[in-house]
Amino acid sequence: MLFRALLLTLLLALPARAETRLLLFEQPGCIWCERWQAEVGHLYHRTPEGRAAPLVRVRLGQQPDGIKIAPPPHFTPTFVLAADGRELGRIEGYPGEAFFWALLGQMLAAGG
């Protein structure tokens, strides 16, 4: 918990990028997408991470406008951190809340 608090402090100190987004590639019936929504998604927009990288939902198989995603996601959920039209990093799958926050924090600190 202390690590997360320190990481969030660091994230808030970083200059904001207007075009940073967290793309969530999902599909109907995805139980891991539903689990993420229940554990994280309902509050994501209220977190420092959610303010730094607002969530954009994308249906699996679609390409988001103006962002180069390569290779295209094949699993759901896949989370792609993107800024200025390019992919900065991704998380494939959802192994749990703690793992998600840790990986997202690392991606934001490295490139977001």
PDB file of N, CA and C in Angstrom:
ATOM      1  N   MET A   1       0.820  -1.189   0.000  1.00  0.00           N
ATOM      2  CA  MET A   1       0.000   0.000   0.000  1.00  0.00           C
ATOM      3  C   MET A   1       0.871   1.262   0.000  1.00  0.00           C
ATOM      4  N   LEU A   2       1.962   1.221   0.777  1.00  0.00           N
ATOM      5  CA  LEU A   2       2.869   2.362   0.817  1.00  0.00           C
ATOM      6  C   LEU A   2       3.495   2.589  -0.549  1.00  0.00           C
ATOM      7  N   PHE A   3       3.875   1.481  -1.222  1.00  0.00           N
ATOM      8  CA  PHE A   3       4.446   1.602  -2.560  1.00  0.00           C
ATOM      9  C   PHE A   3       3.473   2.299  -3.500  1.00  0.00           C
ATOM     10  N   ARG A   4       2.215   1.897  -3.444  1.00  0.00           N
ATOM     11  CA  ARG A   4       1.207   2.506  -4.322  1.00  0.00           C
ATOM     12  C   ARG A   4       1.044   3.987  -4.013  1.00  0.00           C
ATOM     13  N   ALA A   5       1.039   4.356  -2.739  1.00  0.00           N
ATOM     14  CA  ALA A   5       0.911   5.767  -2.362  1.00  0.00           C
ATOM     15  C   ALA A   5       2.096   6.575  -2.879  1.00  0.00           C
ATOM     16  N   LEU A   6       3.297   6.031  -2.766  1.00  0.00           N
ATOM     17  CA  LEU A   6       4.477   6.731  -3.279  1.00  0.00           C
ATOM     18  C   LEU A   6       4.440   6.843  -4.796  1.00  0.00           C
ATOM     19  N   LEU A   7       4.017   5.777  -5.449  1.00  0.00           N
ATOM     20  CA  LEU A   7       3.923   5.798  -6.898  1.00  0.00           C
ATOM     21  C   LEU A   7       2.893   6.818  -7.369  1.00  0.00           C
ATOM     22  N   LEU A   8       1.768   6.894  -6.691  1.00  0.00           N
ATOM     23  CA  LEU A   8       0.739   7.863  -7.062  1.00  0.00           C
ATOM     24  C   LEU A   8       1.236   9.286  -6.867  1.00  0.00           C
ATOM     25  N   THR A   9       2.008   9.515  -5.817  1.00  0.00           N
ATOM     26  CA  THR A   9       2.591  10.837  -5.600  1.00  0.00           C
ATOM     27  C   THR A   9       3.503  11.201  -6.759  1.00  0.00           C
ATOM     28  N   LEU A  10       4.313  10.250  -7.199  1.00  0.00           N
ATOM     29  CA  LEU A  10       5.185  10.470  -8.342  1.00  0.00           C
ATOM     30  C   LEU A  10       4.378  10.760  -9.601  1.00  0.00           C
ATOM     31  N   LEU A  11       3.323  10.005  -9.825  1.00  0.00           N
ATOM     32  CA  LEU A  11       2.488  10.207 -11.014  1.00  0.00           C
ATOM     33  C   LEU A  11       1.870  11.593 -11.037  1.00  0.00           C
ATOM     34  N   LEU A  12       1.420  12.053  -9.895  1.00  0.00           N
ATOM     35  CA  LEU A  12       0.799  13.371  -9.833  1.00  0.00           C
ATOM     36  C   LEU A  12       1.810  14.481 -10.087  1.00  0.00           C
ATOM     37  N   ALA A  13       3.077  14.216  -9.823  1.00  0.00           N
ATOM     38  CA  ALA A  13       4.115  15.215 -10.039  1.00  0.00           C
ATOM     39  C   ALA A  13       4.553  15.287 -11.497  1.00  0.00           C
ATOM     40  N   LEU A  14       4.250  14.262 -12.276  1.00  0.00           N
ATOM     41  CA  LEU A  14       4.636  14.250 -13.682  1.00  0.00           C
ATOM     42  C   LEU A  14       3.763  15.201 -14.488  1.00  0.00           C
ATOM     43  N   PRO A  15       4.329  15.816 -15.523  1.00  0.00           N
ATOM     44  CA  PRO A  15       3.500  16.668 -16.368  1.00  0.00           C
ATOM     45  C   PRO A  15       2.439  15.844 -17.085  1.00  0.00           C
ATOM     46  N   ALA A  16       1.244  16.371 -17.161  1.00  0.00           N
ATOM     47  CA  ALA A  16       0.133  15.650 -17.788  1.00  0.00           C
ATOM     48  C   ALA A  16       0.240  15.716 -19.305  1.00  0.00           C
ATOM     49  N   ARG A  17      -0.112  14.630 -19.951  1.00  0.00           N
ATOM     50  CA  ARG A  17      -0.192  14.591 -21.403  1.00  0.00           C
ATOM     51  C   ARG A  17      -1.666  14.570 -21.770  1.00  0.00           C
ATOM     52  N   ALA A  18      -2.069  15.477 -22.603  1.00  0.00           N
ATOM     53  CA  ALA A  18      -3.483  15.601 -22.937  1.00  0.00           C
ATOM     54  C   ALA A  18      -4.014  14.371 -23.665  1.00  0.00           C
ATOM     55  N   GLU A  19      -3.156  13.681 -24.368  1.00  0.00           N
ATOM     56  CA  GLU A  19      -3.622  12.575 -25.200  1.00  0.00           C
ATOM     57  C   GLU A  19      -3.354  11.197 -24.606  1.00  0.00           C
ATOM     58  N   THR A  20      -2.953  11.106 -23.357  1.00  0.00           N
ATOM     59  CA  THR A  20      -2.715   9.800 -22.743  1.00  0.00           C
ATOM     60  C   THR A  20      -4.049   9.144 -22.430  1.00  0.00           C
ATOM     61  N   ARG A  21      -4.198   7.884 -22.842  1.00  0.00           N
ATOM     62  CA  ARG A  21      -5.436   7.135 -22.626  1.00  0.00           C
ATOM     63  C   ARG A  21      -5.098   5.700 -22.262  1.00  0.00           C
ATOM     64  N   LEU A  22      -5.990   5.077 -21.524  1.00  0.00           N
ATOM     65  CA  LEU A  22      -5.906   3.644 -21.285  1.00  0.00           C
ATOM     66  C   LEU A  22      -7.020   3.006 -22.091  1.00  0.00           C
ATOM     67  N   LEU A  23      -6.648   2.265 -23.123  1.00  0.00           N
ATOM     68  CA  LEU A  23      -7.625   1.589 -23.969  1.00  0.00           C
ATOM     69  C   LEU A  23      -7.909   0.220 -23.372  1.00  0.00           C
ATOM     70  N   LEU A  24      -9.165  -0.089 -23.200  1.00  0.00           N
ATOM     71  CA  LEU A  24      -9.586  -1.405 -22.714  1.00  0.00           C
ATOM     72  C   LEU A  24     -10.226  -2.143 -23.879  1.00  0.00           C
ATOM     73  N   PHE A  25      -9.534  -3.159 -24.396  1.00  0.00           N
ATOM     74  CA  PHE A  25     -10.093  -4.001 -25.445  1.00  0.00           C
ATOM     75  C   PHE A  25     -10.874  -5.106 -24.759  1.00  0.00           C
ATOM     76  N   GLU A  26     -12.160  -5.204 -25.097  1.00  0.00           N
ATOM     77  CA  GLU A  26     -13.052  -6.156 -24.441  1.00  0.00           C
ATOM     78  C   GLU A  26     -14.023  -6.740 -25.457  1.00  0.00           C
ATOM     79  N   GLN A  27     -14.754  -7.756 -25.020  1.00  0.00           N
ATOM     80  CA  GLN A  27     -15.786  -8.356 -25.861  1.00  0.00           C
ATOM     81  C   GLN A  27     -16.911  -8.852 -24.966  1.00  0.00           C
ATOM     82  N   PRO A  28     -18.116  -8.949 -25.513  1.00  0.00           N
ATOM     83  CA  PRO A  28     -19.246  -9.433 -24.715  1.00  0.00           C
ATOM     84  C   PRO A  28     -18.978 -10.838 -24.177  1.00  0.00           C
ATOM     85  N   GLY A  29     -19.393 -11.072 -22.948  1.00  0.00           N
ATOM     86  CA  GLY A  29     -19.246 -12.378 -22.335  1.00  0.00           C
ATOM     87  C   GLY A  29     -17.889 -12.645 -21.708  1.00  0.00           C
ATOM     88  N   CYS A  30     -17.005 -11.678 -21.710  1.00  0.00           N
ATOM     89  CA  CYS A  30     -15.666 -11.842 -21.137  1.00  0.00           C
ATOM     90  C   CYS A  30     -15.767 -11.766 -19.610  1.00  0.00           C
ATOM     91  N   ILE A  31     -15.582 -12.900 -18.938  1.00  0.00           N
ATOM     92  CA  ILE A  31     -15.740 -12.908 -17.477  1.00  0.00           C
ATOM     93  C   ILE A  31     -14.628 -12.129 -16.782  1.00  0.00           C
ATOM     94  N   TRP A  32     -13.429 -12.089 -17.374  1.00  0.00           N
ATOM     95  CA  TRP A  32     -12.339 -11.325 -16.766  1.00  0.00           C
ATOM     96  C   TRP A  32     -12.560  -9.830 -16.945  1.00  0.00           C
ATOM     97  N   CYS A  33     -13.212  -9.430 -18.033  1.00  0.00           N
ATOM     98  CA  CYS A  33     -13.592  -8.022 -18.210  1.00  0.00           C
ATOM     99  C   CYS A  33     -14.609  -7.630 -17.143  1.00  0.00           C
ATOM    100  N   GLU A  34     -15.560  -8.517 -16.898  1.00  0.00           N
ATOM    101  CA  GLU A  34     -16.577  -8.258 -15.873  1.00  0.00           C
ATOM    102  C   GLU A  34     -15.949  -8.190 -14.486  1.00  0.00           C
ATOM    103  N   ARG A  35     -14.984  -9.066 -14.231  1.00  0.00           N
ATOM    104  CA  ARG A  35     -14.306  -9.036 -12.931  1.00  0.00           C
ATOM    105  C   ARG A  35     -13.539  -7.729 -12.764  1.00  0.00           C
ATOM    106  N   TRP A  36     -12.816  -7.286 -13.827  1.00  0.00           N
ATOM    107  CA  TRP A  36     -12.100  -6.012 -13.759  1.00  0.00           C
ATOM    108  C   TRP A  36     -13.083  -4.879 -13.484  1.00  0.00           C
ATOM    109  N   GLN A  37     -14.213  -4.887 -14.165  1.00  0.00           N
ATOM    110  CA  GLN A  37     -15.215  -3.840 -13.965  1.00  0.00           C
ATOM    111  C   GLN A  37     -15.691  -3.816 -12.520  1.00  0.00           C
ATOM    112  N   ALA A  38     -15.938  -4.980 -11.938  1.00  0.00           N
ATOM    113  CA  ALA A  38     -16.428  -5.060 -10.562  1.00  0.00           C
ATOM    114  C   ALA A  38     -15.374  -4.622  -9.550  1.00  0.00           C
ATOM    115  N   GLU A  39     -14.112  -4.953  -9.807  1.00  0.00           N
ATOM    116  CA  GLU A  39     -13.060  -4.665  -8.842  1.00  0.00           C
ATOM    117  C   GLU A  39     -12.394  -3.312  -9.048  1.00  0.00           C
ATOM    118  N   VAL A  40     -12.284  -2.863 -10.292  1.00  0.00           N
ATOM    119  CA  VAL A  40     -11.517  -1.661 -10.609  1.00  0.00           C
ATOM    120  C   VAL A  40     -12.313  -0.661 -11.439  1.00  0.00           C
ATOM    121  N   GLY A  41     -12.978  -1.145 -12.467  1.00  0.00           N
ATOM    122  CA  GLY A  41     -13.594  -0.271 -13.467  1.00  0.00           C
ATOM    123  C   GLY A  41     -14.577   0.735 -12.924  1.00  0.00           C
ATOM    124  N   HIS A  42     -15.354   0.335 -11.933  1.00  0.00           N
ATOM    125  CA  HIS A  42     -16.376   1.240 -11.403  1.00  0.00           C
ATOM    126  C   HIS A  42     -15.778   2.450 -10.694  1.00  0.00           C
ATOM    127  N   LEU A  43     -14.505   2.382 -10.283  1.00  0.00           N
ATOM    128  CA  LEU A  43     -13.892   3.512  -9.592  1.00  0.00           C
ATOM    129  C   LEU A  43     -12.673   4.070 -10.320  1.00  0.00           C
ATOM    130  N   TYR A  44     -12.296   3.464 -11.426  1.00  0.00           N
ATOM    131  CA  TYR A  44     -11.074   3.863 -12.132  1.00  0.00           C
ATOM    132  C   TYR A  44     -11.048   5.359 -12.430  1.00  0.00           C
ATOM    133  N   HIS A  45     -12.135   5.909 -12.904  1.00  0.00           N
ATOM    134  CA  HIS A  45     -12.157   7.319 -13.303  1.00  0.00           C
ATOM    135  C   HIS A  45     -11.913   8.272 -12.133  1.00  0.00           C
ATOM    136  N   ARG A  46     -12.062   7.787 -10.902  1.00  0.00           N
ATOM    137  CA  ARG A  46     -11.854   8.638  -9.725  1.00  0.00           C
ATOM    138  C   ARG A  46     -10.447   8.536  -9.149  1.00  0.00           C
ATOM    139  N   THR A  47      -9.599   7.710  -9.742  1.00  0.00           N
ATOM    140  CA  THR A  47      -8.249   7.500  -9.218  1.00  0.00           C
ATOM    141  C   THR A  47      -7.247   8.422  -9.919  1.00  0.00           C
ATOM    142  N   PRO A  48      -6.070   8.625  -9.318  1.00  0.00           N
ATOM    143  CA  PRO A  48      -5.037   9.406 -10.012  1.00  0.00           C
ATOM    144  C   PRO A  48      -4.660   8.791 -11.360  1.00  0.00           C
ATOM    145  N   GLU A  49      -4.635   7.463 -11.427  1.00  0.00           N
ATOM    146  CA  GLU A  49      -4.344   6.798 -12.697  1.00  0.00           C
ATOM    147  C   GLU A  49      -5.430   7.098 -13.726  1.00  0.00           C
ATOM    148  N   GLY A  50      -6.674   7.088 -13.291  1.00  0.00           N
ATOM    149  CA  GLY A  50      -7.788   7.374 -14.186  1.00  0.00           C
ATOM    150  C   GLY A  50      -7.782   8.802 -14.693  1.00  0.00           C
ATOM    151  N   ARG A  51      -7.304   9.715 -13.871  1.00  0.00           N
ATOM    152  CA  ARG A  51      -7.184  11.105 -14.317  1.00  0.00           C
ATOM    153  C   ARG A  51      -5.983  11.276 -15.251  1.00  0.00           C
ATOM    154  N   ALA A  52      -4.907  10.524 -15.002  1.00  0.00           N
ATOM    155  CA  ALA A  52      -3.721  10.607 -15.857  1.00  0.00           C
ATOM    156  C   ALA A  52      -3.944   9.932 -17.211  1.00  0.00           C
ATOM    157  N   ALA A  53      -4.747   8.866 -17.214  1.00  0.00           N
ATOM    158  CA  ALA A  53      -5.001   8.100 -18.441  1.00  0.00           C
ATOM    159  C   ALA A  53      -6.461   7.660 -18.451  1.00  0.00           C
ATOM    160  N   PRO A  54      -7.365   8.543 -18.888  1.00  0.00           N
ATOM    161  CA  PRO A  54      -8.785   8.181 -18.928  1.00  0.00           C
ATOM    162  C   PRO A  54      -9.029   6.916 -19.761  1.00  0.00           C
ATOM    163  N   LEU A  55     -10.026   6.159 -19.337  1.00  0.00           N
ATOM    164  CA  LEU A  55     -10.357   4.886 -19.968  1.00  0.00           C
ATOM    165  C   LEU A  55     -11.164   5.087 -21.244  1.00  0.00           C
ATOM    166  N   VAL A  56     -10.779   4.351 -22.278  1.00  0.00           N
ATOM    167  CA  VAL A  56     -11.526   4.298 -23.535  1.00  0.00           C
ATOM    168  C   VAL A  56     -11.797   2.827 -23.817  1.00  0.00           C
ATOM    169  N   ARG A  57     -13.054   2.456 -23.918  1.00  0.00           N
ATOM    170  CA  ARG A  57     -13.426   1.064 -24.194  1.00  0.00           C
ATOM    171  C   ARG A  57     -13.451   0.832 -25.703  1.00  0.00           C
ATOM    172  N   VAL A  58     -12.817  -0.269 -26.117  1.00  0.00           N
ATOM    173  CA  VAL A  58     -12.727  -0.621 -27.535  1.00  0.00           C
ATOM    174  C   VAL A  58     -13.132  -2.084 -27.671  1.00  0.00           C
ATOM    175  N   ARG A  59     -13.998  -2.358 -28.603  1.00  0.00           N
ATOM    176  CA  ARG A  59     -14.406  -3.747 -28.848  1.00  0.00           C
ATOM    177  C   ARG A  59     -13.260  -4.492 -29.524  1.00  0.00           C
ATOM    178  N   LEU A  60     -12.972  -5.701 -29.053  1.00  0.00           N
ATOM    179  CA  LEU A  60     -11.905  -6.516 -29.630  1.00  0.00           C
ATOM    180  C   LEU A  60     -12.126  -6.647 -31.134  1.00  0.00           C
ATOM    181  N   GLY A  61     -11.070  -6.449 -31.911  1.00  0.00           N
ATOM    182  CA  GLY A  61     -11.155  -6.515 -33.363  1.00  0.00           C
ATOM    183  C   GLY A  61     -11.253  -5.157 -34.019  1.00  0.00           C
ATOM    184  N   GLN A  62     -11.543  -4.124 -33.247  1.00  0.00           N
ATOM    185  CA  GLN A  62     -11.599  -2.772 -33.796  1.00  0.00           C
ATOM    186  C   GLN A  62     -10.285  -2.053 -33.528  1.00  0.00           C
ATOM    187  N   GLN A  63      -9.957  -1.123 -34.395  1.00  0.00           N
ATOM    188  CA  GLN A  63      -8.759  -0.307 -34.249  1.00  0.00           C
ATOM    189  C   GLN A  63      -9.196   1.090 -33.819  1.00  0.00           C
ATOM    190  N   PRO A  64      -8.682   1.590 -32.700  1.00  0.00           N
ATOM    191  CA  PRO A  64      -9.077   2.931 -32.266  1.00  0.00           C
ATOM    192  C   PRO A  64      -8.550   3.997 -33.224  1.00  0.00           C
ATOM    193  N   ASP A  65      -9.322   5.041 -33.421  1.00  0.00           N
ATOM    194  CA  ASP A  65      -8.945   6.118 -34.330  1.00  0.00           C
ATOM    195  C   ASP A  65      -7.685   6.832 -33.847  1.00  0.00           C
ATOM    196  N   GLY A  66      -6.751   7.011 -34.763  1.00  0.00           N
ATOM    197  CA  GLY A  66      -5.581   7.829 -34.499  1.00  0.00           C
ATOM    198  C   GLY A  66      -4.516   7.221 -33.610  1.00  0.00           C
ATOM    199  N   ILE A  67      -4.623   5.929 -33.292  1.00  0.00           N
ATOM    200  CA  ILE A  67      -3.633   5.288 -32.432  1.00  0.00           C
ATOM    201  C   ILE A  67      -3.142   4.019 -33.112  1.00  0.00           C
ATOM    202  N   LYS A  68      -1.837   3.904 -33.242  1.00  0.00           N
ATOM    203  CA  LYS A  68      -1.250   2.712 -33.860  1.00  0.00           C
ATOM    204  C   LYS A  68      -1.061   1.643 -32.789  1.00  0.00           C
ATOM    205  N   ILE A  69      -1.767   0.536 -32.934  1.00  0.00           N
ATOM    206  CA  ILE A  69      -1.691  -0.591 -32.015  1.00  0.00           C
ATOM    207  C   ILE A  69      -1.165  -1.788 -32.801  1.00  0.00           C
ATOM    208  N   ALA A  70       0.047  -2.226 -32.473  1.00  0.00           N
ATOM    209  CA  ALA A  70       0.619  -3.369 -33.183  1.00  0.00           C
ATOM    210  C   ALA A  70       1.428  -4.209 -32.207  1.00  0.00           C
ATOM    211  N   PRO A  71       1.182  -5.492 -32.197  1.00  0.00           N
ATOM    212  CA  PRO A  71       0.127  -6.205 -32.906  1.00  0.00           C
ATOM    213  C   PRO A  71      -1.227  -5.942 -32.260  1.00  0.00           C
ATOM    214  N   PRO A  72      -2.293  -6.180 -33.001  1.00  0.00           N
ATOM    215  CA  PRO A  72      -3.618  -5.970 -32.417  1.00  0.00           C
ATOM    216  C   PRO A  72      -3.863  -6.964 -31.284  1.00  0.00           C
ATOM    217  N   PRO A  73      -4.603  -6.566 -30.272  1.00  0.00           N
ATOM    218  CA  PRO A  73      -4.902  -7.482 -29.163  1.00  0.00           C
ATOM    219  C   PRO A  73      -5.698  -8.696 -29.639  1.00  0.00           C
ATOM    220  N   HIS A  74      -5.408  -9.842 -29.013  1.00  0.00           N
ATOM    221  CA  HIS A  74      -6.125 -11.081 -29.315  1.00  0.00           C
ATOM    222  C   HIS A  74      -6.847 -11.633 -28.099  1.00  0.00           C
ATOM    223  N   PHE A  75      -6.558 -11.087 -26.920  1.00  0.00           N
ATOM    224  CA  PHE A  75      -7.137 -11.567 -25.667  1.00  0.00           C
ATOM    225  C   PHE A  75      -7.937 -10.456 -25.013  1.00  0.00           C
ATOM    226  N   THR A  76      -8.940 -10.831 -24.236  1.00  0.00           N
ATOM    227  CA  THR A  76      -9.663  -9.837 -23.449  1.00  0.00           C
ATOM    228  C   THR A  76      -9.625 -10.247 -21.992  1.00  0.00           C
ATOM    229  N   PRO A  77      -9.499  -9.273 -21.136  1.00  0.00           N
ATOM    230  CA  PRO A  77      -9.248  -7.875 -21.462  1.00  0.00           C
ATOM    231  C   PRO A  77      -7.778  -7.643 -21.817  1.00  0.00           C
ATOM    232  N   THR A  78      -7.540  -6.685 -22.686  1.00  0.00           N
ATOM    233  CA  THR A  78      -6.196  -6.167 -22.944  1.00  0.00           C
ATOM    234  C   THR A  78      -6.260  -4.672 -22.715  1.00  0.00           C
ATOM    235  N   PHE A  79      -5.339  -4.180 -21.901  1.00  0.00           N
ATOM    236  CA  PHE A  79      -5.255  -2.759 -21.575  1.00  0.00           C
ATOM    237  C   PHE A  79      -4.041  -2.196 -22.290  1.00  0.00           C
ATOM    238  N   VAL A  80      -4.241  -1.156 -23.103  1.00  0.00           N
ATOM    239  CA  VAL A  80      -3.147  -0.538 -23.845  1.00  0.00           C
ATOM    240  C   VAL A  80      -3.043   0.914 -23.411  1.00  0.00           C
ATOM    241  N   LEU A  81      -1.887   1.267 -22.864  1.00  0.00           N
ATOM    242  CA  LEU A  81      -1.618   2.659 -22.527  1.00  0.00           C
ATOM    243  C   LEU A  81      -1.093   3.328 -23.785  1.00  0.00           C
ATOM    244  N   ALA A  82      -1.751   4.392 -24.216  1.00  0.00           N
ATOM    245  CA  ALA A  82      -1.386   5.065 -25.455  1.00  0.00           C
ATOM    246  C   ALA A  82      -1.304   6.565 -25.217  1.00  0.00           C
ATOM    247  N   ALA A  83      -0.365   7.193 -25.912  1.00  0.00           N
ATOM    248  CA  ALA A  83      -0.220   8.650 -25.847  1.00  0.00           C
ATOM    249  C   ALA A  83       0.302   9.141 -27.180  1.00  0.00           C
ATOM    250  N   ASP A  84      -0.176  10.287 -27.575  1.00  0.00           N
ATOM    251  CA  ASP A  84       0.290  10.924 -28.803  1.00  0.00           C
ATOM    252  C   ASP A  84       0.231   9.984 -30.003  1.00  0.00           C
ATOM    253  N   GLY A  85      -0.818   9.152 -30.058  1.00  0.00           N
ATOM    254  CA  GLY A  85      -1.045   8.290 -31.205  1.00  0.00           C
ATOM    255  C   GLY A  85      -0.244   7.004 -31.247  1.00  0.00           C
ATOM    256  N   ARG A  86       0.455   6.677 -30.137  1.00  0.00           N
ATOM    257  CA  ARG A  86       1.246   5.441 -30.158  1.00  0.00           C
ATOM    258  C   ARG A  86       1.091   4.674 -28.851  1.00  0.00           C
ATOM    259  N   GLU A  87       1.337   3.392 -28.934  1.00  0.00           N
ATOM    260  CA  GLU A  87       1.255   2.519 -27.771  1.00  0.00           C
ATOM    261  C   GLU A  87       2.493   2.679 -26.899  1.00  0.00           C
ATOM    262  N   LEU A  88       2.269   2.828 -25.588  1.00  0.00           N
ATOM    263  CA  LEU A  88       3.369   2.924 -24.629  1.00  0.00           C
ATOM    264  C   LEU A  88       3.598   1.614 -23.883  1.00  0.00           C
ATOM    265  N   GLY A  89       2.549   0.826 -23.755  1.00  0.00           N
ATOM    266  CA  GLY A  89       2.659  -0.441 -23.041  1.00  0.00           C
ATOM    267  C   GLY A  89       1.306  -1.117 -22.993  1.00  0.00           C
ATOM    268  N   ARG A  90       1.310  -2.385 -22.568  1.00  0.00           N
ATOM    269  CA  ARG A  90       0.040  -3.106 -22.489  1.00  0.00           C
ATOM    270  C   ARG A  90       0.059  -4.132 -21.378  1.00  0.00           C
ATOM    271  N   ILE A  91      -1.140  -4.439 -20.928  1.00  0.00           N
ATOM    272  CA  ILE A  91      -1.378  -5.505 -19.964  1.00  0.00           C
ATOM    273  C   ILE A  91      -2.351  -6.457 -20.637  1.00  0.00           C
ATOM    274  N   GLU A  92      -1.942  -7.706 -20.811  1.00  0.00           N
ATOM    275  CA  GLU A  92      -2.823  -8.706 -21.412  1.00  0.00           C
ATOM    276  C   GLU A  92      -3.408  -9.566 -20.309  1.00  0.00           C
ATOM    277  N   GLY A  93      -4.713  -9.571 -20.237  1.00  0.00           N
ATOM    278  CA  GLY A  93      -5.396 -10.332 -19.204  1.00  0.00           C
ATOM    279  C   GLY A  93      -5.582  -9.515 -17.935  1.00  0.00           C
ATOM    280  N   TYR A  94      -6.243 -10.123 -16.981  1.00  0.00           N
ATOM    281  CA  TYR A  94      -6.493  -9.481 -15.694  1.00  0.00           C
ATOM    282  C   TYR A  94      -6.293 -10.507 -14.587  1.00  0.00           C
ATOM    283  N   PRO A  95      -5.084 -10.547 -13.998  1.00  0.00           N
ATOM    284  CA  PRO A  95      -4.816 -11.525 -12.945  1.00  0.00           C
ATOM    285  C   PRO A  95      -5.209 -11.060 -11.548  1.00  0.00           C
ATOM    286  N   GLY A  96      -5.805  -9.886 -11.449  1.00  0.00           N
ATOM    287  CA  GLY A  96      -6.247  -9.397 -10.152  1.00  0.00           C
ATOM    288  C   GLY A  96      -5.946  -7.922  -9.970  1.00  0.00           C
ATOM    289  N   GLU A  97      -6.625  -7.336  -8.998  1.00  0.00           N
ATOM    290  CA  GLU A  97      -6.555  -5.898  -8.765  1.00  0.00           C
ATOM    291  C   GLU A  97      -5.143  -5.414  -8.430  1.00  0.00           C
ATOM    292  N   ALA A  98      -4.468  -6.060  -7.498  1.00  0.00           N
ATOM    293  CA  ALA A  98      -3.132  -5.608  -7.082  1.00  0.00           C
ATOM    294  C   ALA A  98      -2.147  -5.649  -8.250  1.00  0.00           C
ATOM    295  N   PHE A  99      -2.199  -6.715  -9.021  1.00  0.00           N
ATOM    296  CA  PHE A  99      -1.310  -6.861 -10.168  1.00  0.00           C
ATOM    297  C   PHE A  99      -1.603  -5.780 -11.208  1.00  0.00           C
ATOM    298  N   PHE A 100      -2.882  -5.528 -11.463  1.00  0.00           N
ATOM    299  CA  PHE A 100      -3.274  -4.502 -12.433  1.00  0.00           C
ATOM    300  C   PHE A 100      -2.722  -3.140 -12.037  1.00  0.00           C
ATOM    301  N   TRP A 101      -2.959  -2.731 -10.778  1.00  0.00           N
ATOM    302  CA  TRP A 101      -2.503  -1.410 -10.328  1.00  0.00           C
ATOM    303  C   TRP A 101      -0.988  -1.298 -10.401  1.00  0.00           C
ATOM    304  N   ALA A 102      -0.280  -2.358 -10.020  1.00  0.00           N
ATOM    305  CA  ALA A 102       1.183  -2.323 -10.055  1.00  0.00           C
ATOM    306  C   ALA A 102       1.698  -2.161 -11.483  1.00  0.00           C
ATOM    307  N   LEU A 103       1.172  -2.946 -12.412  1.00  0.00           N
ATOM    308  CA  LEU A 103       1.624  -2.847 -13.802  1.00  0.00           C
ATOM    309  C   LEU A 103       1.249  -1.514 -14.430  1.00  0.00           C
ATOM    310  N   LEU A 104       0.039  -1.045 -14.173  1.00  0.00           N
ATOM    311  CA  LEU A 104      -0.367   0.242 -14.727  1.00  0.00           C
ATOM    312  C   LEU A 104       0.508   1.359 -14.169  1.00  0.00           C
ATOM    313  N   GLY A 105       0.796   1.316 -12.892  1.00  0.00           N
ATOM    314  CA  GLY A 105       1.673   2.322 -12.290  1.00  0.00           C
ATOM    315  C   GLY A 105       3.048   2.336 -12.923  1.00  0.00           C
ATOM    316  N   GLN A 106       3.594   1.162 -13.187  1.00  0.00           N
ATOM    317  CA  GLN A 106       4.899   1.074 -13.845  1.00  0.00           C
ATOM    318  C   GLN A 106       4.846   1.663 -15.251  1.00  0.00           C
ATOM    319  N   MET A 107       3.785   1.345 -15.985  1.00  0.00           N
ATOM    320  CA  MET A 107       3.662   1.867 -17.354  1.00  0.00           C
ATOM    321  C   MET A 107       3.530   3.381 -17.345  1.00  0.00           C
ATOM    322  N   LEU A 108       2.722   3.912 -16.446  1.00  0.00           N
ATOM    323  CA  LEU A 108       2.544   5.360 -16.374  1.00  0.00           C
ATOM    324  C   LEU A 108       3.844   6.053 -15.985  1.00  0.00           C
ATOM    325  N   ALA A 109       4.563   5.498 -15.036  1.00  0.00           N
ATOM    326  CA  ALA A 109       5.823   6.097 -14.605  1.00  0.00           C
ATOM    327  C   ALA A 109       6.868   6.058 -15.721  1.00  0.00           C
ATOM    328  N   ALA A 110       6.843   4.997 -16.526  1.00  0.00           N
ATOM    329  CA  ALA A 110       7.832   4.839 -17.589  1.00  0.00           C
ATOM    330  C   ALA A 110       7.538   5.695 -18.817  1.00  0.00           C
ATOM    331  N   GLY A 111       6.253   5.882 -19.123  1.00  0.00           N
ATOM    332  CA  GLY A 111       5.977   6.560 -20.378  1.00  0.00           C
ATOM    333  C   GLY A 111       4.794   7.480 -20.400  1.00  0.00           C
ATOM    334  N   GLY A 112       3.976   7.438 -19.379  1.00  0.00           N
ATOM    335  CA  GLY A 112       2.762   8.235 -19.380  1.00  0.00           C
ATOM    336  C   GLY A 112       2.970   9.533 -18.731  1.00  0.00           C
TER     337      GLY A 112
END
